[in-house]
């Protein structure tokens, strides 16, 4: 995902493994990896420049469109985005085509599962896993697929600037860093590090954590940002704000990811980099009536009004009792 990738890449690159990450822009979500990285650095880089960056820094976070890794896929995405189409078969083909063209030999695919995630049921996740494995096997790629908890967004921010803020907070060991984002990124990075034949199984997480806590991941991220072209002016979080508050006391038992994504997009994300949603409460948190659940950010009044109306119709949060909290098995 756009949040974890921006942590996994510098951690793995700091370990010394090659990890060229090329991503598409958002199709139906409020931010893709390229949209979020673009807050910090240029992402529309030519193939020759990308090759140099990966050779020197061991990794990159770039938009796959300029790289022209899969021109046919780029044409399909240009049709899918305005129509809101995001089919399973096309998604698998798009991901694996770009990775194959980029020269990737080992892949780790994360499939979040949740009632309002792109993949809603475990059975659907298993079918998607088999499809990924089948296509990767035919292409000669070493691929691992893990199924994770997708009941709520990872981190706090939804939207390019807000998500970039979360990433930098984790890299800088800020007290405000989202712990769930940090933990998931370390686990994903650890699994990739275990592709290294010199790393014993089960030791990847420990290595990833040491790289993050020592500051090596932050240093590597800054080097990648400088190599790609650091932005002289960082976009700011939208100044038009509205807190959406709990209507009653209770425990947050569910969050509608799709509704939050809709609200963030109506607020202007990803085109307005500073627009989006900032989560103030997560699943399992106990809240009181009137307590803010999340904050809407927008840059323009028209988008702000649309987002406000959507949130008032459906605020995306369900409150109940602790007994209603669903348990989820994540493959880590």
C-alpha atoms as a PDB file:
ATOM      1  CA  UNK A   1       0.000   0.000   0.000  1.00  0.00           C
ATOM      2  CA  UNK A   2       0.963   3.628  -0.388  1.00  0.00           C
ATOM      3  CA  UNK A   3       1.629   4.001   3.342  1.00  0.00           C
ATOM      4  CA  UNK A   4       3.690   0.880   4.014  1.00  0.00           C
ATOM      5  CA  UNK A   5       5.615   0.951   0.723  1.00  0.00           C
ATOM      6  CA  UNK A   6       7.210   4.271   1.621  1.00  0.00           C
ATOM      7  CA  UNK A   7       8.621   2.652   4.763  1.00  0.00           C
ATOM      8  CA  UNK A   8       9.414  -0.787   3.377  1.00  0.00           C
ATOM      9  CA  UNK A   9      11.502   0.559   0.480  1.00  0.00           C
ATOM     10  CA  UNK A  10      14.027   2.568   2.565  1.00  0.00           C
ATOM     11  CA  UNK A  11      14.278  -0.205   5.184  1.00  0.00           C
ATOM     12  CA  UNK A  12      14.982  -2.918   2.617  1.00  0.00           C
ATOM     13  CA  UNK A  13      17.280  -0.658   0.570  1.00  0.00           C
ATOM     14  CA  UNK A  14      19.243   0.186   3.728  1.00  0.00           C
ATOM     15  CA  UNK A  15      19.742  -3.556   4.213  1.00  0.00           C
ATOM     16  CA  UNK A  16      21.434  -3.569   0.802  1.00  0.00           C
ATOM     17  CA  UNK A  17      18.794  -5.327  -1.283  1.00  0.00           C
ATOM     18  CA  UNK A  18      17.550  -3.873  -4.565  1.00  0.00           C
ATOM     19  CA  UNK A  19      13.922  -2.734  -4.284  1.00  0.00           C
ATOM     20  CA  UNK A  20      12.767  -0.573  -7.219  1.00  0.00           C
ATOM     21  CA  UNK A  21       9.173   0.422  -6.383  1.00  0.00           C
ATOM     22  CA  UNK A  22       7.145   1.761  -9.289  1.00  0.00           C
ATOM     23  CA  UNK A  23       3.501   2.531  -8.625  1.00  0.00           C
ATOM     24  CA  UNK A  24       0.424   3.874 -10.342  1.00  0.00           C
ATOM     25  CA  UNK A  25      -1.450   6.919  -9.208  1.00  0.00           C
ATOM     26  CA  UNK A  26      -4.768   6.512  -7.408  1.00  0.00           C
ATOM     27  CA  UNK A  27      -7.530   4.980  -9.514  1.00  0.00           C
ATOM     28  CA  UNK A  28     -10.414   4.739  -7.036  1.00  0.00           C
ATOM     29  CA  UNK A  29      -8.586   5.571  -3.770  1.00  0.00           C
ATOM     30  CA  UNK A  30      -7.700   8.981  -2.239  1.00  0.00           C
ATOM     31  CA  UNK A  31      -3.966   8.420  -2.805  1.00  0.00           C
ATOM     32  CA  UNK A  32      -1.657   5.979  -4.526  1.00  0.00           C
ATOM     33  CA  UNK A  33       1.986   5.476  -3.574  1.00  0.00           C
ATOM     34  CA  UNK A  34       3.047   7.801  -6.399  1.00  0.00           C
ATOM     35  CA  UNK A  35       0.632  10.507  -5.213  1.00  0.00           C
ATOM     36  CA  UNK A  36       1.966  10.303  -1.654  1.00  0.00           C
ATOM     37  CA  UNK A  37       5.657  10.175  -2.602  1.00  0.00           C
ATOM     38  CA  UNK A  38       5.091  13.161  -4.900  1.00  0.00           C
ATOM     39  CA  UNK A  39       4.489  15.259  -1.786  1.00  0.00           C
ATOM     40  CA  UNK A  40       8.184  14.814  -0.969  1.00  0.00           C
ATOM     41  CA  UNK A  41       9.935  14.272  -4.298  1.00  0.00           C
ATOM     42  CA  UNK A  42       9.566  13.981  -8.057  1.00  0.00           C
ATOM     43  CA  UNK A  43       8.081  10.674  -9.168  1.00  0.00           C
ATOM     44  CA  UNK A  44       7.814  11.163 -12.946  1.00  0.00           C
ATOM     45  CA  UNK A  45      11.330  10.028 -13.808  1.00  0.00           C
ATOM     46  CA  UNK A  46      12.714   8.652 -17.045  1.00  0.00           C
ATOM     47  CA  UNK A  47      13.865   4.989 -17.119  1.00  0.00           C
ATOM     48  CA  UNK A  48      17.534   5.941 -17.422  1.00  0.00           C
ATOM     49  CA  UNK A  49      17.328   8.137 -14.326  1.00  0.00           C
ATOM     50  CA  UNK A  50      15.482   5.451 -12.374  1.00  0.00           C
ATOM     51  CA  UNK A  51      18.154   2.923 -13.272  1.00  0.00           C
ATOM     52  CA  UNK A  52      20.859   5.242 -11.947  1.00  0.00           C
ATOM     53  CA  UNK A  53      18.953   5.918  -8.708  1.00  0.00           C
ATOM     54  CA  UNK A  54      18.366   2.214  -8.041  1.00  0.00           C
ATOM     55  CA  UNK A  55      21.995   1.397  -8.782  1.00  0.00           C
ATOM     56  CA  UNK A  56      23.240   4.085  -6.394  1.00  0.00           C
ATOM     57  CA  UNK A  57      20.592   3.973  -3.637  1.00  0.00           C
ATOM     58  CA  UNK A  58      19.303   0.389  -4.017  1.00  0.00           C
ATOM     59  CA  UNK A  59      15.700   1.609  -4.239  1.00  0.00           C
ATOM     60  CA  UNK A  60      13.233   4.147  -5.600  1.00  0.00           C
ATOM     61  CA  UNK A  61       9.593   5.209  -5.225  1.00  0.00           C
ATOM     62  CA  UNK A  62       8.448   6.359  -8.637  1.00  0.00           C
ATOM     63  CA  UNK A  63       5.425   6.586 -10.897  1.00  0.00           C
ATOM     64  CA  UNK A  64       5.354   3.697 -13.339  1.00  0.00           C
ATOM     65  CA  UNK A  65       3.696   5.759 -16.076  1.00  0.00           C
ATOM     66  CA  UNK A  66       6.757   7.804 -17.008  1.00  0.00           C
ATOM     67  CA  UNK A  67       8.956   4.732 -16.760  1.00  0.00           C
ATOM     68  CA  UNK A  68       6.806   3.199 -19.522  1.00  0.00           C
ATOM     69  CA  UNK A  69       7.343  -0.243 -18.042  1.00  0.00           C
ATOM     70  CA  UNK A  70       3.982  -1.517 -19.305  1.00  0.00           C
ATOM     71  CA  UNK A  71       2.591   0.913 -21.928  1.00  0.00           C
ATOM     72  CA  UNK A  72      -0.537  -1.172 -22.589  1.00  0.00           C
ATOM     73  CA  UNK A  73      -1.345  -1.181 -18.876  1.00  0.00           C
ATOM     74  CA  UNK A  74      -0.910   2.600 -18.730  1.00  0.00           C
ATOM     75  CA  UNK A  75      -3.487   2.946 -21.517  1.00  0.00           C
ATOM     76  CA  UNK A  76      -5.944   0.676 -19.689  1.00  0.00           C
ATOM     77  CA  UNK A  77      -5.513   2.620 -16.433  1.00  0.00           C
ATOM     78  CA  UNK A  78      -6.210   5.904 -18.262  1.00  0.00           C
ATOM     79  CA  UNK A  79      -9.591   4.421 -19.242  1.00  0.00           C
ATOM     80  CA  UNK A  80     -10.295   2.762 -15.878  1.00  0.00           C
ATOM     81  CA  UNK A  81      -9.613   5.808 -13.680  1.00  0.00           C
ATOM     82  CA  UNK A  82     -12.442   8.091 -14.900  1.00  0.00           C
ATOM     83  CA  UNK A  83     -14.854   5.134 -14.997  1.00  0.00           C
ATOM     84  CA  UNK A  84     -13.919   3.910 -11.511  1.00  0.00           C
ATOM     85  CA  UNK A  85     -13.123   0.406 -12.808  1.00  0.00           C
ATOM     86  CA  UNK A  86     -10.770  -1.751 -10.725  1.00  0.00           C
ATOM     87  CA  UNK A  87     -11.205  -5.404 -11.771  1.00  0.00           C
ATOM     88  CA  UNK A  88      -9.358  -8.278 -10.094  1.00  0.00           C
ATOM     89  CA  UNK A  89      -7.859  -9.701 -13.282  1.00  0.00           C
ATOM     90  CA  UNK A  90      -6.642  -6.327 -14.473  1.00  0.00           C
ATOM     91  CA  UNK A  91      -5.204  -5.565 -11.032  1.00  0.00           C
ATOM     92  CA  UNK A  92      -3.145  -8.783 -11.003  1.00  0.00           C
ATOM     93  CA  UNK A  93      -1.988  -8.241 -14.580  1.00  0.00           C
ATOM     94  CA  UNK A  94      -1.093  -4.604 -13.886  1.00  0.00           C
ATOM     95  CA  UNK A  95       0.934  -5.344 -10.755  1.00  0.00           C
ATOM     96  CA  UNK A  96       2.856  -8.330 -12.092  1.00  0.00           C
ATOM     97  CA  UNK A  97       3.475  -6.817 -15.543  1.00  0.00           C
ATOM     98  CA  UNK A  98       5.151  -3.758 -14.044  1.00  0.00           C
ATOM     99  CA  UNK A  99       7.198  -5.822 -11.596  1.00  0.00           C
ATOM    100  CA  UNK A 100       8.368  -8.160 -14.340  1.00  0.00           C
ATOM    101  CA  UNK A 101       9.275  -5.239 -16.602  1.00  0.00           C
ATOM    102  CA  UNK A 102      11.198  -3.606 -13.741  1.00  0.00           C
ATOM    103  CA  UNK A 103      13.287  -6.756 -13.360  1.00  0.00           C
ATOM    104  CA  UNK A 104      11.889  -7.859  -9.988  1.00  0.00           C
ATOM    105  CA  UNK A 105      12.611 -11.498  -9.201  1.00  0.00           C
ATOM    106  CA  UNK A 106      11.003 -11.713  -5.737  1.00  0.00           C
ATOM    107  CA  UNK A 107       7.642 -10.211  -4.778  1.00  0.00           C
ATOM    108  CA  UNK A 108       5.628  -9.865  -1.580  1.00  0.00           C
ATOM    109  CA  UNK A 109       1.932  -9.138  -2.086  1.00  0.00           C
ATOM    110  CA  UNK A 110      -0.182  -7.870   0.820  1.00  0.00           C
ATOM    111  CA  UNK A 111      -3.938  -8.513   0.607  1.00  0.00           C
ATOM    112  CA  UNK A 112      -5.846  -6.624   3.328  1.00  0.00           C
ATOM    113  CA  UNK A 113      -9.245  -8.175   4.090  1.00  0.00           C
ATOM    114  CA  UNK A 114     -12.170  -6.371   5.673  1.00  0.00           C
ATOM    115  CA  UNK A 115     -15.886  -5.717   5.287  1.00  0.00           C
ATOM    116  CA  UNK A 116     -15.186  -2.453   3.450  1.00  0.00           C
ATOM    117  CA  UNK A 117     -11.743  -3.218   2.008  1.00  0.00           C
ATOM    118  CA  UNK A 118     -11.229  -4.024  -1.678  1.00  0.00           C
ATOM    119  CA  UNK A 119     -11.192  -7.699  -0.641  1.00  0.00           C
ATOM    120  CA  UNK A 120     -14.059  -8.318   1.753  1.00  0.00           C
ATOM    121  CA  UNK A 121     -13.962 -12.030   2.576  1.00  0.00           C
ATOM    122  CA  UNK A 122     -11.256 -14.574   3.358  1.00  0.00           C
ATOM    123  CA  UNK A 123     -12.534 -16.844   0.583  1.00  0.00           C
ATOM    124  CA  UNK A 124     -12.117 -14.013  -1.923  1.00  0.00           C
ATOM    125  CA  UNK A 125      -8.608 -13.353  -0.577  1.00  0.00           C
ATOM    126  CA  UNK A 126      -7.645 -16.997  -1.052  1.00  0.00           C
ATOM    127  CA  UNK A 127      -8.935 -16.915  -4.647  1.00  0.00           C
ATOM    128  CA  UNK A 128      -6.955 -13.753  -5.341  1.00  0.00           C
ATOM    129  CA  UNK A 129      -3.865 -15.308  -3.768  1.00  0.00           C
ATOM    130  CA  UNK A 130      -4.175 -18.334  -6.066  1.00  0.00           C
ATOM    131  CA  UNK A 131      -4.551 -16.045  -9.089  1.00  0.00           C
ATOM    132  CA  UNK A 132      -1.420 -14.088  -8.130  1.00  0.00           C
ATOM    133  CA  UNK A 133       0.503 -17.325  -7.531  1.00  0.00           C
ATOM    134  CA  UNK A 134      -0.651 -18.863 -10.820  1.00  0.00           C
ATOM    135  CA  UNK A 135       0.307 -15.856 -12.946  1.00  0.00           C
ATOM    136  CA  UNK A 136       3.612 -15.315 -11.106  1.00  0.00           C
ATOM    137  CA  UNK A 137       4.512 -18.980 -11.576  1.00  0.00           C
ATOM    138  CA  UNK A 138       3.857 -18.714 -15.315  1.00  0.00           C
ATOM    139  CA  UNK A 139       6.104 -15.640 -15.414  1.00  0.00           C
ATOM    140  CA  UNK A 140       8.868 -17.319 -13.409  1.00  0.00           C
ATOM    141  CA  UNK A 141       8.605 -14.911 -10.469  1.00  0.00           C
ATOM    142  CA  UNK A 142       9.159 -15.906  -6.829  1.00  0.00           C
ATOM    143  CA  UNK A 143       6.077 -14.601  -5.063  1.00  0.00           C
ATOM    144  CA  UNK A 144       4.694 -14.680  -1.532  1.00  0.00           C
ATOM    145  CA  UNK A 145       1.184 -13.501  -0.686  1.00  0.00           C
ATOM    146  CA  UNK A 146       0.129 -12.614   2.848  1.00  0.00           C
ATOM    147  CA  UNK A 147      -3.377 -11.823   4.057  1.00  0.00           C
ATOM    148  CA  UNK A 148      -3.662  -9.006   6.597  1.00  0.00           C
ATOM    149  CA  UNK A 149      -6.265  -7.116   8.615  1.00  0.00           C
ATOM    150  CA  UNK A 150      -8.008  -4.573   6.386  1.00  0.00           C
ATOM    151  CA  UNK A 151     -10.888  -3.622   8.668  1.00  0.00           C
ATOM    152  CA  UNK A 152      -9.599  -0.059   8.975  1.00  0.00           C
ATOM    153  CA  UNK A 153      -7.007   2.213   7.345  1.00  0.00           C
ATOM    154  CA  UNK A 154      -3.396   1.793   8.454  1.00  0.00           C
ATOM    155  CA  UNK A 155      -2.019   4.942  10.035  1.00  0.00           C
ATOM    156  CA  UNK A 156      -4.054   8.074  10.612  1.00  0.00           C
ATOM    157  CA  UNK A 157      -3.943  10.036   7.378  1.00  0.00           C
ATOM    158  CA  UNK A 158      -6.004   9.431   4.243  1.00  0.00           C
ATOM    159  CA  UNK A 159      -4.785  11.644   1.414  1.00  0.00           C
ATOM    160  CA  UNK A 160      -1.291  12.414   0.005  1.00  0.00           C
ATOM    161  CA  UNK A 161       0.041  14.991   2.497  1.00  0.00           C
ATOM    162  CA  UNK A 162      -1.535  13.300   5.518  1.00  0.00           C
ATOM    163  CA  UNK A 163      -0.119   9.915   4.539  1.00  0.00           C
ATOM    164  CA  UNK A 164       3.324  11.381   3.833  1.00  0.00           C
ATOM    165  CA  UNK A 165       3.212  12.939   7.303  1.00  0.00           C
ATOM    166  CA  UNK A 166       2.511   9.515   8.861  1.00  0.00           C
ATOM    167  CA  UNK A 167       5.436   7.973   6.971  1.00  0.00           C
ATOM    168  CA  UNK A 168       7.907  10.641   8.037  1.00  0.00           C
ATOM    169  CA  UNK A 169       6.725  10.428  11.656  1.00  0.00           C
ATOM    170  CA  UNK A 170       7.559   6.712  11.682  1.00  0.00           C
ATOM    171  CA  UNK A 171      10.958   7.258  10.041  1.00  0.00           C
ATOM    172  CA  UNK A 172      11.787  10.088  12.460  1.00  0.00           C
ATOM    173  CA  UNK A 173      10.622   8.062  15.504  1.00  0.00           C
ATOM    174  CA  UNK A 174       8.133  10.782  16.400  1.00  0.00           C
ATOM    175  CA  UNK A 175       5.945  10.178  19.484  1.00  0.00           C
ATOM    176  CA  UNK A 176       2.969  10.893  17.188  1.00  0.00           C
ATOM    177  CA  UNK A 177       3.930   8.101  14.758  1.00  0.00           C
ATOM    178  CA  UNK A 178       1.042   5.659  14.156  1.00  0.00           C
ATOM    179  CA  UNK A 179       2.049   2.377  15.869  1.00  0.00           C
ATOM    180  CA  UNK A 180      -0.019   0.194  13.526  1.00  0.00           C
ATOM    181  CA  UNK A 181       1.714   1.635  10.454  1.00  0.00           C
ATOM    182  CA  UNK A 182       5.132   1.151  12.040  1.00  0.00           C
ATOM    183  CA  UNK A 183       4.441  -2.461  13.005  1.00  0.00           C
ATOM    184  CA  UNK A 184       2.975  -3.506   9.661  1.00  0.00           C
ATOM    185  CA  UNK A 185       5.811  -1.885   7.713  1.00  0.00           C
ATOM    186  CA  UNK A 186       8.395  -3.670   9.863  1.00  0.00           C
ATOM    187  CA  UNK A 187       6.684  -7.013   9.354  1.00  0.00           C
ATOM    188  CA  UNK A 188       6.439  -6.571   5.596  1.00  0.00           C
ATOM    189  CA  UNK A 189      10.037  -5.358   5.351  1.00  0.00           C
ATOM    190  CA  UNK A 190      11.129  -8.273   7.516  1.00  0.00           C
ATOM    191  CA  UNK A 191       9.510 -10.773   5.154  1.00  0.00           C
ATOM    192  CA  UNK A 192      11.279  -9.216   2.174  1.00  0.00           C
ATOM    193  CA  UNK A 193      14.615  -9.147   3.992  1.00  0.00           C
ATOM    194  CA  UNK A 194      14.201 -12.892   4.532  1.00  0.00           C
ATOM    195  CA  UNK A 195      14.428 -13.293   0.741  1.00  0.00           C
ATOM    196  CA  UNK A 196      18.135 -12.635   1.380  1.00  0.00           C
ATOM    197  CA  UNK A 197      19.773 -16.089   1.463  1.00  0.00           C
ATOM    198  CA  UNK A 198      22.123 -14.880   4.213  1.00  0.00           C
ATOM    199  CA  UNK A 199      19.215 -14.109   6.573  1.00  0.00           C
ATOM    200  CA  UNK A 200      17.782 -16.918   8.667  1.00  0.00           C
ATOM    201  CA  UNK A 201      14.024 -17.381   8.679  1.00  0.00           C
ATOM    202  CA  UNK A 202      12.365 -15.391  11.446  1.00  0.00           C
ATOM    203  CA  UNK A 203      15.203 -12.836  11.739  1.00  0.00           C
ATOM    204  CA  UNK A 204      13.901 -10.375   9.153  1.00  0.00           C
ATOM    205  CA  UNK A 205      11.700  -8.415  11.556  1.00  0.00           C
ATOM    206  CA  UNK A 206      14.574  -7.967  14.000  1.00  0.00           C
ATOM    207  CA  UNK A 207      16.842  -6.657  11.232  1.00  0.00           C
ATOM    208  CA  UNK A 208      14.146  -4.318   9.901  1.00  0.00           C
ATOM    209  CA  UNK A 209      13.505  -2.914  13.374  1.00  0.00           C
ATOM    210  CA  UNK A 210      17.217  -2.246  13.939  1.00  0.00           C
ATOM    211  CA  UNK A 211      17.447  -0.428  10.596  1.00  0.00           C
ATOM    212  CA  UNK A 212      14.470   1.760  11.495  1.00  0.00           C
ATOM    213  CA  UNK A 213      15.463   2.482  15.096  1.00  0.00           C
ATOM    214  CA  UNK A 214      19.083   3.270  14.185  1.00  0.00           C
ATOM    215  CA  UNK A 215      18.009   5.999  11.764  1.00  0.00           C
ATOM    216  CA  UNK A 216      19.414   4.175   8.732  1.00  0.00           C
ATOM    217  CA  UNK A 217      15.962   3.968   7.133  1.00  0.00           C
ATOM    218  CA  UNK A 218      15.447   7.739   7.521  1.00  0.00           C
ATOM    219  CA  UNK A 219      18.874   8.402   6.029  1.00  0.00           C
ATOM    220  CA  UNK A 220      18.107   6.101   3.098  1.00  0.00           C
ATOM    221  CA  UNK A 221      14.730   7.757   2.519  1.00  0.00           C
ATOM    222  CA  UNK A 222      16.357  11.188   2.439  1.00  0.00           C
ATOM    223  CA  UNK A 223      18.943   9.932  -0.044  1.00  0.00           C
ATOM    224  CA  UNK A 224      16.196   8.515  -2.285  1.00  0.00           C
ATOM    225  CA  UNK A 225      14.237  11.786  -2.040  1.00  0.00           C
ATOM    226  CA  UNK A 226      17.329  13.810  -2.966  1.00  0.00           C
ATOM    227  CA  UNK A 227      18.167  11.450  -5.836  1.00  0.00           C
ATOM    228  CA  UNK A 228      14.655  11.689  -7.283  1.00  0.00           C
ATOM    229  CA  UNK A 229      14.485  15.453  -6.744  1.00  0.00           C
ATOM    230  CA  UNK A 230      13.369  16.850  -3.410  1.00  0.00           C
ATOM    231  CA  UNK A 231      10.420  19.227  -3.577  1.00  0.00           C
ATOM    232  CA  UNK A 232      11.470  22.756  -2.651  1.00  0.00           C
ATOM    233  CA  UNK A 233       8.007  23.531  -1.297  1.00  0.00           C
ATOM    234  CA  UNK A 234       6.116  20.816   0.554  1.00  0.00           C
ATOM    235  CA  UNK A 235       2.317  20.987   0.113  1.00  0.00           C
ATOM    236  CA  UNK A 236       0.520  21.769   3.348  1.00  0.00           C
ATOM    237  CA  UNK A 237      -2.463  20.064   4.943  1.00  0.00           C
ATOM    238  CA  UNK A 238      -5.734  21.671   3.835  1.00  0.00           C
ATOM    239  CA  UNK A 239      -6.760  24.549   6.096  1.00  0.00           C
ATOM    240  CA  UNK A 240     -10.525  24.086   5.702  1.00  0.00           C
ATOM    241  CA  UNK A 241     -11.342  21.645   8.497  1.00  0.00           C
ATOM    242  CA  UNK A 242     -14.324  19.973  10.111  1.00  0.00           C
ATOM    243  CA  UNK A 243     -14.358  17.521  13.015  1.00  0.00           C
ATOM    244  CA  UNK A 244     -16.846  14.662  12.710  1.00  0.00           C
ATOM    245  CA  UNK A 245     -17.876  13.644  16.226  1.00  0.00           C
ATOM    246  CA  UNK A 246     -19.458  10.631  17.906  1.00  0.00           C
ATOM    247  CA  UNK A 247     -23.220  10.824  18.314  1.00  0.00           C
ATOM    248  CA  UNK A 248     -23.195   8.608  21.388  1.00  0.00           C
ATOM    249  CA  UNK A 249     -20.910   6.918  23.913  1.00  0.00           C
ATOM    250  CA  UNK A 250     -19.413   3.556  22.962  1.00  0.00           C
ATOM    251  CA  UNK A 251     -16.553   1.556  21.517  1.00  0.00           C
ATOM    252  CA  UNK A 252     -15.532   1.883  17.857  1.00  0.00           C
ATOM    253  CA  UNK A 253     -16.471  -1.557  16.508  1.00  0.00           C
ATOM    254  CA  UNK A 254     -16.188  -0.943  12.758  1.00  0.00           C
ATOM    255  CA  UNK A 255     -14.947   1.625  10.249  1.00  0.00           C
ATOM    256  CA  UNK A 256     -16.230   1.859   6.683  1.00  0.00           C
ATOM    257  CA  UNK A 257     -13.063   2.219   4.595  1.00  0.00           C
ATOM    258  CA  UNK A 258     -14.998   2.876   1.397  1.00  0.00           C
ATOM    259  CA  UNK A 259     -17.006   5.705   2.941  1.00  0.00           C
ATOM    260  CA  UNK A 260     -13.875   7.319   4.383  1.00  0.00           C
ATOM    261  CA  UNK A 261     -12.210   7.050   0.972  1.00  0.00           C
ATOM    262  CA  UNK A 262     -15.275   8.654  -0.613  1.00  0.00           C
ATOM    263  CA  UNK A 263     -15.196  11.521   1.888  1.00  0.00           C
ATOM    264  CA  UNK A 264     -11.457  12.052   1.313  1.00  0.00           C
ATOM    265  CA  UNK A 265     -11.927  12.100  -2.464  1.00  0.00           C
ATOM    266  CA  UNK A 266     -14.863  14.504  -2.202  1.00  0.00           C
ATOM    267  CA  UNK A 267     -12.619  16.732  -0.080  1.00  0.00           C
ATOM    268  CA  UNK A 268     -10.260  16.891  -3.064  1.00  0.00           C
ATOM    269  CA  UNK A 269      -7.743  14.053  -2.677  1.00  0.00           C
ATOM    270  CA  UNK A 270      -5.594  13.055  -4.466  1.00  0.00           C
ATOM    271  CA  UNK A 271      -5.504  16.029  -6.863  1.00  0.00           C
ATOM    272  CA  UNK A 272      -5.536  18.448  -3.936  1.00  0.00           C
ATOM    273  CA  UNK A 273      -2.532  17.054  -2.084  1.00  0.00           C
ATOM    274  CA  UNK A 274      -3.486  18.563   1.274  1.00  0.00           C
ATOM    275  CA  UNK A 275      -7.051  17.267   1.230  1.00  0.00           C
ATOM    276  CA  UNK A 276      -8.254  14.147   2.998  1.00  0.00           C
ATOM    277  CA  UNK A 277      -9.235  12.683   6.336  1.00  0.00           C
ATOM    278  CA  UNK A 278      -7.218  12.540   9.567  1.00  0.00           C
ATOM    279  CA  UNK A 279      -8.339   9.699  11.845  1.00  0.00           C
ATOM    280  CA  UNK A 280      -8.510  10.525  15.543  1.00  0.00           C
ATOM    281  CA  UNK A 281     -10.026   7.205  16.722  1.00  0.00           C
ATOM    282  CA  UNK A 282      -9.493   3.604  15.601  1.00  0.00           C
ATOM    283  CA  UNK A 283     -11.265   0.286  16.134  1.00  0.00           C
ATOM    284  CA  UNK A 284     -11.286  -0.661  19.815  1.00  0.00           C
ATOM    285  CA  UNK A 285     -11.119   2.925  21.088  1.00  0.00           C
ATOM    286  CA  UNK A 286     -13.738   3.964  23.642  1.00  0.00           C
ATOM    287  CA  UNK A 287     -15.317   7.321  22.810  1.00  0.00           C
ATOM    288  CA  UNK A 288     -17.786   9.715  24.416  1.00  0.00           C
ATOM    289  CA  UNK A 289     -20.637  11.585  22.785  1.00  0.00           C
ATOM    290  CA  UNK A 290     -19.280  14.678  21.057  1.00  0.00           C
ATOM    291  CA  UNK A 291     -15.702  13.354  20.876  1.00  0.00           C
ATOM    292  CA  UNK A 292     -14.105  13.896  17.432  1.00  0.00           C
ATOM    293  CA  UNK A 293     -13.707  10.675  15.423  1.00  0.00           C
ATOM    294  CA  UNK A 294     -11.829  12.224  12.499  1.00  0.00           C
ATOM    295  CA  UNK A 295     -11.087  15.551  10.861  1.00  0.00           C
ATOM    296  CA  UNK A 296     -11.833  16.462   7.259  1.00  0.00           C
ATOM    297  CA  UNK A 297      -9.249  18.651   5.489  1.00  0.00           C
ATOM    298  CA  UNK A 298      -9.882  20.481   2.227  1.00  0.00           C
ATOM    299  CA  UNK A 299      -8.274  23.223   0.165  1.00  0.00           C
ATOM    300  CA  UNK A 300     -11.373  24.514  -1.630  1.00  0.00           C
ATOM    301  CA  UNK A 301     -14.797  25.397  -0.240  1.00  0.00           C
ATOM    302  CA  UNK A 302     -16.793  23.518  -2.889  1.00  0.00           C
ATOM    303  CA  UNK A 303     -14.968  20.244  -2.207  1.00  0.00           C
ATOM    304  CA  UNK A 304     -15.171  20.902   1.530  1.00  0.00           C
ATOM    305  CA  UNK A 305     -18.959  21.225   1.327  1.00  0.00           C
ATOM    306  CA  UNK A 306     -19.309  17.990  -0.650  1.00  0.00           C
ATOM    307  CA  UNK A 307     -17.185  16.093   1.881  1.00  0.00           C
ATOM    308  CA  UNK A 308     -19.132  17.588   4.781  1.00  0.00           C
ATOM    309  CA  UNK A 309     -22.456  16.494   3.275  1.00  0.00           C
ATOM    310  CA  UNK A 310     -21.186  12.943   2.698  1.00  0.00           C
ATOM    311  CA  UNK A 311     -19.890  12.670   6.273  1.00  0.00           C
ATOM    312  CA  UNK A 312     -23.156  13.941   7.712  1.00  0.00           C
ATOM    313  CA  UNK A 313     -25.102  11.324   5.739  1.00  0.00           C
ATOM    314  CA  UNK A 314     -22.770   8.497   6.788  1.00  0.00           C
ATOM    315  CA  UNK A 315     -19.846   9.188   9.116  1.00  0.00           C
ATOM    316  CA  UNK A 316     -18.269   5.739   8.424  1.00  0.00           C
ATOM    317  CA  UNK A 317     -17.981   4.797  12.117  1.00  0.00           C
ATOM    318  CA  UNK A 318     -20.016   2.198  14.003  1.00  0.00           C
ATOM    319  CA  UNK A 319     -20.128   2.387  17.786  1.00  0.00           C
ATOM    320  CA  UNK A 320     -21.161  -0.439  20.087  1.00  0.00           C
ATOM    321  CA  UNK A 321     -19.852  -2.539  22.953  1.00  0.00           C
ATOM    322  CA  UNK A 322     -16.558  -4.369  23.375  1.00  0.00           C
ATOM    323  CA  UNK A 323     -18.436  -7.650  22.898  1.00  0.00           C
ATOM    324  CA  UNK A 324     -19.167  -6.604  19.294  1.00  0.00           C
ATOM    325  CA  UNK A 325     -15.492  -6.294  18.357  1.00  0.00           C
ATOM    326  CA  UNK A 326     -14.652  -8.849  15.689  1.00  0.00           C
ATOM    327  CA  UNK A 327     -11.402 -10.772  15.844  1.00  0.00           C
ATOM    328  CA  UNK A 328      -9.271 -11.110  12.739  1.00  0.00           C
ATOM    329  CA  UNK A 329      -6.467 -13.487  11.835  1.00  0.00           C
ATOM    330  CA  UNK A 330      -3.524 -11.865  10.055  1.00  0.00           C
ATOM    331  CA  UNK A 331      -0.788 -13.919   8.393  1.00  0.00           C
ATOM    332  CA  UNK A 332       2.373 -12.551   9.969  1.00  0.00           C
END
